[in-house]
PDB file of N, CA and C in Angstrom:
ATOM      1  N   GLU A   1     139.848 126.864 126.963  1.00  0.00           N
ATOM      2  CA  GLU A   1     140.558 126.422 128.145  1.00  0.00           C
ATOM      3  C   GLU A   1     140.461 124.895 128.285  1.00  0.00           C
ATOM      4  N   ASN A   2     139.261 124.358 128.101  1.00  0.00           N
ATOM      5  CA  ASN A   2     139.082 122.901 128.198  1.00  0.00           C
ATOM      6  C   ASN A   2     139.860 122.179 127.106  1.00  0.00           C
ATOM      7  N   LEU A   3     139.842 122.729 125.897  1.00  0.00           N
ATOM      8  CA  LEU A   3     140.550 122.106 124.792  1.00  0.00           C
ATOM      9  C   LEU A   3     142.056 122.099 125.046  1.00  0.00           C
ATOM     10  N   THR A   4     142.586 123.177 125.562  1.00  0.00           N
ATOM     11  CA  THR A   4     144.013 123.241 125.879  1.00  0.00           C
ATOM     12  C   THR A   4     144.377 122.162 126.888  1.00  0.00           C
ATOM     13  N   LEU A   5     143.560 122.008 127.908  1.00  0.00           N
ATOM     14  CA  LEU A   5     143.795 120.985 128.921  1.00  0.00           C
ATOM     15  C   LEU A   5     143.706 119.587 128.314  1.00  0.00           C
ATOM     16  N   ALA A   6     142.717 119.362 127.466  1.00  0.00           N
ATOM     17  CA  ALA A   6     142.563 118.054 126.825  1.00  0.00           C
ATOM     18  C   ALA A   6     143.770 117.724 125.959  1.00  0.00           C
ATOM     19  N   LYS A   7     144.252 118.704 125.189  1.00  0.00           N
ATOM     20  CA  LYS A   7     145.408 118.475 124.324  1.00  0.00           C
ATOM     21  C   LYS A   7     146.658 118.146 125.126  1.00  0.00           C
ATOM     22  N   LYS A   8     146.801 118.736 126.304  1.00  0.00           N
ATOM     23  CA  LYS A   8     147.969 118.465 127.149  1.00  0.00           C
ATOM     24  C   LYS A   8     147.933 117.058 127.725  1.00  0.00           C
ATOM     25  N   ASN A   9     146.731 116.491 127.855  1.00  0.00           N
ATOM     26  CA  ASN A   9     146.576 115.229 128.569  1.00  0.00           C
ATOM     27  C   ASN A   9     146.176 114.040 127.713  1.00  0.00           C
ATOM     28  N   GLY A  10     146.023 114.233 126.413  1.00  0.00           N
ATOM     29  CA  GLY A  10     145.630 113.098 125.590  1.00  0.00           C
ATOM     30  C   GLY A  10     145.383 113.492 124.157  1.00  0.00           C
ATOM     31  N   LEU A  11     144.819 112.558 123.438  1.00  0.00           N
ATOM     32  CA  LEU A  11     144.497 112.755 122.033  1.00  0.00           C
ATOM     33  C   LEU A  11     143.119 113.395 121.915  1.00  0.00           C
ATOM     34  N   VAL A  12     143.032 114.417 121.089  1.00  0.00           N
ATOM     35  CA  VAL A  12     141.750 115.070 120.806  1.00  0.00           C
ATOM     36  C   VAL A  12     141.419 114.788 119.342  1.00  0.00           C
ATOM     37  N   VAL A  13     140.229 114.245 119.108  1.00  0.00           N
ATOM     38  CA  VAL A  13     139.770 113.963 117.749  1.00  0.00           C
ATOM     39  C   VAL A  13     138.449 114.696 117.547  1.00  0.00           C
ATOM     40  N   LEU A  14     138.390 115.505 116.498  1.00  0.00           N
ATOM     41  CA  LEU A  14     137.169 116.235 116.168  1.00  0.00           C
ATOM     42  C   LEU A  14     136.396 115.443 115.128  1.00  0.00           C
ATOM     43  N   LEU A  15     135.176 115.052 115.466  1.00  0.00           N
ATOM     44  CA  LEU A  15     134.300 114.357 114.536  1.00  0.00           C
ATOM     45  C   LEU A  15     133.405 115.397 113.886  1.00  0.00           C
ATOM     46  N   THR A  16     133.427 115.445 112.551  1.00  0.00           N
ATOM     47  CA  THR A  16     132.665 116.463 111.834  1.00  0.00           C
ATOM     48  C   THR A  16     131.651 115.825 110.894  1.00  0.00           C
ATOM     49  N   ALA A  17     130.667 116.622 110.517  1.00  0.00           N
ATOM     50  CA  ALA A  17     129.684 116.277 109.494  1.00  0.00           C
ATOM     51  C   ALA A  17     128.951 117.563 109.146  1.00  0.00           C
ATOM     52  N   PRO A  18     128.408 117.648 107.952  1.00  0.00           N
ATOM     53  CA  PRO A  18     127.650 118.843 107.589  1.00  0.00           C
ATOM     54  C   PRO A  18     126.430 119.028 108.509  1.00  0.00           C
ATOM     55  N   SER A  19     126.022 120.281 108.682  1.00  0.00           N
ATOM     56  CA  SER A  19     124.900 120.609 109.568  1.00  0.00           C
ATOM     57  C   SER A  19     123.639 119.838 109.207  1.00  0.00           C
ATOM     58  N   GLY A  20     123.370 119.692 107.924  1.00  0.00           N
ATOM     59  CA  GLY A  20     122.173 118.967 107.494  1.00  0.00           C
ATOM     60  C   GLY A  20     122.188 117.515 107.926  1.00  0.00           C
ATOM     61  N   GLU A  21     123.341 116.883 107.820  1.00  0.00           N
ATOM     62  CA  GLU A  21     123.454 115.482 108.250  1.00  0.00           C
ATOM     63  C   GLU A  21     123.319 115.367 109.762  1.00  0.00           C
ATOM     64  N   LEU A  22     123.935 116.284 110.494  1.00  0.00           N
ATOM     65  CA  LEU A  22     123.806 116.257 111.947  1.00  0.00           C
ATOM     66  C   LEU A  22     122.350 116.438 112.369  1.00  0.00           C
ATOM     67  N   ALA A  23     121.665 117.364 111.720  1.00  0.00           N
ATOM     68  CA  ALA A  23     120.252 117.593 112.043  1.00  0.00           C
ATOM     69  C   ALA A  23     119.436 116.336 111.779  1.00  0.00           C
ATOM     70  N   HIS A  24     119.734 115.644 110.681  1.00  0.00           N
ATOM     71  CA  HIS A  24     119.018 114.404 110.373  1.00  0.00           C
ATOM     72  C   HIS A  24     119.278 113.346 111.445  1.00  0.00           C
ATOM     73  N   ARG A  25     120.525 113.222 111.874  1.00  0.00           N
ATOM     74  CA  ARG A  25     120.875 112.236 112.904  1.00  0.00           C
ATOM     75  C   ARG A  25     120.146 112.516 114.216  1.00  0.00           C
ATOM     76  N   LEU A  26     119.900 113.795 114.487  1.00  0.00           N
ATOM     77  CA  LEU A  26     119.297 114.193 115.766  1.00  0.00           C
ATOM     78  C   LEU A  26     117.794 114.441 115.658  1.00  0.00           C
ATOM     79  N   LEU A  27     117.208 114.093 114.530  1.00  0.00           N
ATOM     80  CA  LEU A  27     115.813 114.393 114.254  1.00  0.00           C
ATOM     81  C   LEU A  27     114.858 113.940 115.360  1.00  0.00           C
ATOM     82  N   TYR A  28     115.072 112.770 115.898  1.00  0.00           N
ATOM     83  CA  TYR A  28     114.155 112.218 116.899  1.00  0.00           C
ATOM     84  C   TYR A  28     114.706 112.279 118.321  1.00  0.00           C
ATOM     85  N   ARG A  29     115.722 113.087 118.524  1.00  0.00           N
ATOM     86  CA  ARG A  29     116.300 113.252 119.859  1.00  0.00           C
ATOM     87  C   ARG A  29     115.727 114.515 120.486  1.00  0.00           C
ATOM     88  N   ASN A  30     115.462 114.464 121.760  1.00  0.00           N
ATOM     89  CA  ASN A  30     114.973 115.659 122.447  1.00  0.00           C
ATOM     90  C   ASN A  30     115.852 116.012 123.642  1.00  0.00           C
ATOM     91  N   ASP A  31     117.077 115.522 123.616  1.00  0.00           N
ATOM     92  CA  ASP A  31     117.995 115.750 124.735  1.00  0.00           C
ATOM     93  C   ASP A  31     119.151 116.674 124.351  1.00  0.00           C
ATOM     94  N   ARG A  32     118.921 117.539 123.361  1.00  0.00           N
ATOM     95  CA  ARG A  32     119.942 118.481 122.919  1.00  0.00           C
ATOM     96  C   ARG A  32     119.407 119.898 123.098  1.00  0.00           C
ATOM     97  N   PRO A  33     119.561 120.486 124.289  1.00  0.00           N
ATOM     98  CA  PRO A  33     118.962 121.792 124.582  1.00  0.00           C
ATOM     99  C   PRO A  33     119.382 122.908 123.624  1.00  0.00           C
ATOM    100  N   LEU A  34     120.589 122.861 123.098  1.00  0.00           N
ATOM    101  CA  LEU A  34     121.036 123.921 122.184  1.00  0.00           C
ATOM    102  C   LEU A  34     120.283 123.880 120.856  1.00  0.00           C
ATOM    103  N   LEU A  35     119.601 122.762 120.590  1.00  0.00           N
ATOM    104  CA  LEU A  35     118.901 122.622 119.316  1.00  0.00           C
ATOM    105  C   LEU A  35     117.390 122.728 119.455  1.00  0.00           C
ATOM    106  N   GLU A  36     116.910 123.089 120.631  1.00  0.00           N
ATOM    107  CA  GLU A  36     115.468 123.209 120.822  1.00  0.00           C
ATOM    108  C   GLU A  36     114.900 124.290 119.915  1.00  0.00           C
ATOM    109  N   GLY A  37     113.732 124.034 119.390  1.00  0.00           N
ATOM    110  CA  GLY A  37     113.098 125.002 118.509  1.00  0.00           C
ATOM    111  C   GLY A  37     113.012 124.484 117.094  1.00  0.00           C
ATOM    112  N   ALA A  38     112.745 125.368 116.183  1.00  0.00           N
ATOM    113  CA  ALA A  38     112.372 124.981 114.824  1.00  0.00           C
ATOM    114  C   ALA A  38     113.530 124.550 113.921  1.00  0.00           C
ATOM    115  N   ASP A  39     114.493 125.395 113.673  1.00  0.00           N
ATOM    116  CA  ASP A  39     115.463 125.145 112.609  1.00  0.00           C
ATOM    117  C   ASP A  39     116.788 124.616 113.139  1.00  0.00           C
ATOM    118  N   ALA A  40     116.873 123.292 113.282  1.00  0.00           N
ATOM    119  CA  ALA A  40     118.083 122.670 113.824  1.00  0.00           C
ATOM    120  C   ALA A  40     119.290 122.897 112.922  1.00  0.00           C
ATOM    121  N   VAL A  41     119.086 122.882 111.603  1.00  0.00           N
ATOM    122  CA  VAL A  41     120.212 123.074 110.673  1.00  0.00           C
ATOM    123  C   VAL A  41     120.833 124.448 110.880  1.00  0.00           C
ATOM    124  N   ALA A  42     119.997 125.470 110.985  1.00  0.00           N
ATOM    125  CA  ALA A  42     120.509 126.831 111.201  1.00  0.00           C
ATOM    126  C   ALA A  42     121.205 126.935 112.548  1.00  0.00           C
ATOM    127  N   LYS A  43     120.659 126.305 113.560  1.00  0.00           N
ATOM    128  CA  LYS A  43     121.288 126.344 114.886  1.00  0.00           C
ATOM    129  C   LYS A  43     122.636 125.632 114.870  1.00  0.00           C
ATOM    130  N   LEU A  44     122.698 124.480 114.201  1.00  0.00           N
ATOM    131  CA  LEU A  44     123.970 123.765 114.099  1.00  0.00           C
ATOM    132  C   LEU A  44     125.006 124.577 113.323  1.00  0.00           C
ATOM    133  N   ALA A  45     124.581 125.228 112.267  1.00  0.00           N
ATOM    134  CA  ALA A  45     125.501 126.074 111.487  1.00  0.00           C
ATOM    135  C   ALA A  45     126.012 127.237 112.336  1.00  0.00           C
ATOM    136  N   ALA A  46     125.143 127.806 113.163  1.00  0.00           N
ATOM    137  CA  ALA A  46     125.554 128.909 114.041  1.00  0.00           C
ATOM    138  C   ALA A  46     126.555 128.427 115.088  1.00  0.00           C
ATOM    139  N   ILE A  47     126.310 127.255 115.644  1.00  0.00           N
ATOM    140  CA  ILE A  47     127.243 126.685 116.623  1.00  0.00           C
ATOM    141  C   ILE A  47     128.599 126.458 115.966  1.00  0.00           C
ATOM    142  N   GLU A  48     128.586 125.875 114.760  1.00  0.00           N
ATOM    143  CA  GLU A  48     129.836 125.639 114.040  1.00  0.00           C
ATOM    144  C   GLU A  48     130.570 126.947 113.775  1.00  0.00           C
ATOM    145  N   SER A  49     129.847 127.961 113.384  1.00  0.00           N
ATOM    146  CA  SER A  49     130.452 129.259 113.099  1.00  0.00           C
ATOM    147  C   SER A  49     131.145 129.834 114.334  1.00  0.00           C
ATOM    148  N   ARG A  50     130.490 129.720 115.480  1.00  0.00           N
ATOM    149  CA  ARG A  50     131.076 130.236 116.731  1.00  0.00           C
ATOM    150  C   ARG A  50     132.301 129.441 117.162  1.00  0.00           C
ATOM    151  N   ARG A  51     132.321 128.163 116.860  1.00  0.00           N
ATOM    152  CA  ARG A  51     133.400 127.293 117.351  1.00  0.00           C
ATOM    153  C   ARG A  51     134.490 127.032 116.318  1.00  0.00           C
ATOM    154  N   ARG A  52     134.291 127.475 115.084  1.00  0.00           N
ATOM    155  CA  ARG A  52     135.194 127.152 113.980  1.00  0.00           C
ATOM    156  C   ARG A  52     136.655 127.491 114.293  1.00  0.00           C
ATOM    157  N   GLU A  53     136.897 128.637 114.870  1.00  0.00           N
ATOM    158  CA  GLU A  53     138.273 129.068 115.154  1.00  0.00           C
ATOM    159  C   GLU A  53     138.968 128.115 116.124  1.00  0.00           C
ATOM    160  N   VAL A  54     138.253 127.694 117.144  1.00  0.00           N
ATOM    161  CA  VAL A  54     138.825 126.757 118.119  1.00  0.00           C
ATOM    162  C   VAL A  54     139.006 125.388 117.482  1.00  0.00           C
ATOM    163  N   TRP A  55     137.996 124.941 116.735  1.00  0.00           N
ATOM    164  CA  TRP A  55     138.086 123.632 116.085  1.00  0.00           C
ATOM    165  C   TRP A  55     139.240 123.577 115.100  1.00  0.00           C
ATOM    166  N   ALA A  56     139.601 124.703 114.510  1.00  0.00           N
ATOM    167  CA  ALA A  56     140.703 124.735 113.539  1.00  0.00           C
ATOM    168  C   ALA A  56     142.034 124.366 114.188  1.00  0.00           C
ATOM    169  N   THR A  57     142.133 124.478 115.493  1.00  0.00           N
ATOM    170  CA  THR A  57     143.379 124.151 116.188  1.00  0.00           C
ATOM    171  C   THR A  57     143.520 122.648 116.457  1.00  0.00           C
ATOM    172  N   ILE A  58     142.478 121.889 116.175  1.00  0.00           N
ATOM    173  CA  ILE A  58     142.513 120.441 116.410  1.00  0.00           C
ATOM    174  C   ILE A  58     143.102 119.762 115.176  1.00  0.00           C
ATOM    175  N   THR A  59     144.158 119.018 115.382  1.00  0.00           N
ATOM    176  CA  THR A  59     144.873 118.389 114.274  1.00  0.00           C
ATOM    177  C   THR A  59     144.142 117.173 113.728  1.00  0.00           C
ATOM    178  N   ASN A  60     143.616 116.363 114.616  1.00  0.00           N
ATOM    179  CA  ASN A  60     142.969 115.114 114.216  1.00  0.00           C
ATOM    180  C   ASN A  60     141.480 115.349 113.985  1.00  0.00           C
ATOM    181  N   LYS A  61     141.085 115.310 112.699  1.00  0.00           N
ATOM    182  CA  LYS A  61     139.682 115.527 112.326  1.00  0.00           C
ATOM    183  C   LYS A  61     139.213 114.342 111.505  1.00  0.00           C
ATOM    184  N   ILE A  62     137.984 113.929 111.751  1.00  0.00           N
ATOM    185  CA  ILE A  62     137.394 112.840 110.982  1.00  0.00           C
ATOM    186  C   ILE A  62     136.028 113.292 110.492  1.00  0.00           C
ATOM    187  N   ASP A  63     135.856 113.283 109.176  1.00  0.00           N
ATOM    188  CA  ASP A  63     134.553 113.594 108.587  1.00  0.00           C
ATOM    189  C   ASP A  63     133.724 112.319 108.653  1.00  0.00           C
ATOM    190  N   THR A  64     132.658 112.343 109.423  1.00  0.00           N
ATOM    191  CA  THR A  64     131.840 111.158 109.659  1.00  0.00           C
ATOM    192  C   THR A  64     130.686 111.024 108.668  1.00  0.00           C
ATOM    193  N   SER A  65     130.637 111.879 107.673  1.00  0.00           N
ATOM    194  CA  SER A  65     129.549 111.859 106.694  1.00  0.00           C
ATOM    195  C   SER A  65     129.405 110.481 106.068  1.00  0.00           C
ATOM    196  N   GLY A  66     128.223 109.921 106.172  1.00  0.00           N
ATOM    197  CA  GLY A  66     127.932 108.645 105.538  1.00  0.00           C
ATOM    198  C   GLY A  66     128.604 107.438 106.159  1.00  0.00           C
ATOM    199  N   LEU A  67     129.275 107.623 107.279  1.00  0.00           N
ATOM    200  CA  LEU A  67     129.973 106.505 107.923  1.00  0.00           C
ATOM    201  C   LEU A  67     129.125 105.904 109.039  1.00  0.00           C
ATOM    202  N   SER A  68     129.289 104.619 109.250  1.00  0.00           N
ATOM    203  CA  SER A  68     128.620 103.948 110.362  1.00  0.00           C
ATOM    204  C   SER A  68     129.402 104.215 111.647  1.00  0.00           C
ATOM    205  N   PRO A  69     128.779 104.015 112.796  1.00  0.00           N
ATOM    206  CA  PRO A  69     129.522 104.159 114.058  1.00  0.00           C
ATOM    207  C   PRO A  69     130.762 103.260 114.099  1.00  0.00           C
ATOM    208  N   LEU A  70     130.666 102.057 113.540  1.00  0.00           N
ATOM    209  CA  LEU A  70     131.822 101.163 113.518  1.00  0.00           C
ATOM    210  C   LEU A  70     132.950 101.748 112.680  1.00  0.00           C
ATOM    211  N   GLU A  71     132.624 102.291 111.509  1.00  0.00           N
ATOM    212  CA  GLU A  71     133.645 102.904 110.656  1.00  0.00           C
ATOM    213  C   GLU A  71     134.303 104.091 111.343  1.00  0.00           C
ATOM    214  N   VAL A  72     133.501 104.897 112.029  1.00  0.00           N
ATOM    215  CA  VAL A  72     134.053 106.049 112.755  1.00  0.00           C
ATOM    216  C   VAL A  72     134.977 105.574 113.866  1.00  0.00           C
ATOM    217  N   SER A  73     134.545 104.558 114.607  1.00  0.00           N
ATOM    218  CA  SER A  73     135.388 104.061 115.704  1.00  0.00           C
ATOM    219  C   SER A  73     136.705 103.502 115.178  1.00  0.00           C
ATOM    220  N   GLU A  74     136.678 102.862 114.014  1.00  0.00           N
ATOM    221  CA  GLU A  74     137.918 102.350 113.429  1.00  0.00           C
ATOM    222  C   GLU A  74     138.860 103.492 113.051  1.00  0.00           C
ATOM    223  N   LEU A  75     138.305 104.581 112.533  1.00  0.00           N
ATOM    224  CA  LEU A  75     139.136 105.743 112.186  1.00  0.00           C
ATOM    225  C   LEU A  75     139.706 106.411 113.431  1.00  0.00           C
ATOM    226  N   VAL A  76     138.915 106.488 114.499  1.00  0.00           N
ATOM    227  CA  VAL A  76     139.411 107.051 115.760  1.00  0.00           C
ATOM    228  C   VAL A  76     140.529 106.166 116.306  1.00  0.00           C
ATOM    229  N   LEU A  77     140.337 104.869 116.259  1.00  0.00           N
ATOM    230  CA  LEU A  77     141.373 103.942 116.721  1.00  0.00           C
ATOM    231  C   LEU A  77     142.652 104.088 115.905  1.00  0.00           C
ATOM    232  N   HIS A  78     142.511 104.264 114.607  1.00  0.00           N
ATOM    233  CA  HIS A  78     143.670 104.488 113.744  1.00  0.00           C
ATOM    234  C   HIS A  78     144.411 105.769 114.159  1.00  0.00           C
ATOM    235  N   SER A  79     143.661 106.834 114.423  1.00  0.00           N
ATOM    236  CA  SER A  79     144.271 108.095 114.889  1.00  0.00           C
ATOM    237  C   SER A  79     145.002 107.879 116.202  1.00  0.00           C
ATOM    238  N   TYR A  80     144.382 107.104 117.087  1.00  0.00           N
ATOM    239  CA  TYR A  80     145.001 106.829 118.383  1.00  0.00           C
ATOM    240  C   TYR A  80     146.321 106.046 118.205  1.00  0.00           C
ATOM    241  N   ARG A  81     146.289 105.073 117.348  1.00  0.00           N
ATOM    242  CA  ARG A  81     147.508 104.280 117.121  1.00  0.00           C
ATOM    243  C   ARG A  81     148.624 105.130 116.538  1.00  0.00           C
ATOM    244  N   GLU A  82     148.299 106.009 115.619  1.00  0.00           N
ATOM    245  CA  GLU A  82     149.303 106.912 115.056  1.00  0.00           C
ATOM    246  C   GLU A  82     149.822 107.861 116.124  1.00  0.00           C
ATOM    247  N   TRP A  83     148.935 108.349 116.980  1.00  0.00           N
ATOM    248  CA  TRP A  83     149.319 109.275 118.041  1.00  0.00           C
ATOM    249  C   TRP A  83     150.256 108.603 119.052  1.00  0.00           C
ATOM    250  N   THR A  84     149.952 107.361 119.420  1.00  0.00           N
ATOM    251  CA  THR A  84     150.794 106.670 120.401  1.00  0.00           C
ATOM    252  C   THR A  84     152.124 106.237 119.800  1.00  0.00           C
ATOM    253  N   ALA A  85     152.194 106.067 118.480  1.00  0.00           N
ATOM    254  CA  ALA A  85     153.439 105.661 117.827  1.00  0.00           C
ATOM    255  C   ALA A  85     154.400 106.827 117.662  1.00  0.00           C
ATOM    256  N   SER A  86     153.877 108.051 117.753  1.00  0.00           N
ATOM    257  CA  SER A  86     154.772 109.212 117.534  1.00  0.00           C
ATOM    258  C   SER A  86     155.384 109.705 118.805  1.00  0.00           C
TER     259      SER A  86
END
């Protein structure tokens, strides 16, 4: 429901990365309640599995693997420019 509303009102960009990389990025964070406990990689994979069908409906996807925040922001900006030009 939220995704449908977001798509009607703006650009939606899905930022992706493998579960292992996400777990590494969040290694020292303690503000992610869905990842509390031992195996963050397994929890992230389970979350992805549950959401995969909905995420498949998002046209704009960016694989952030190995990218810096600046590189990701440049790709998001590029997606935005293409979206506003169409």
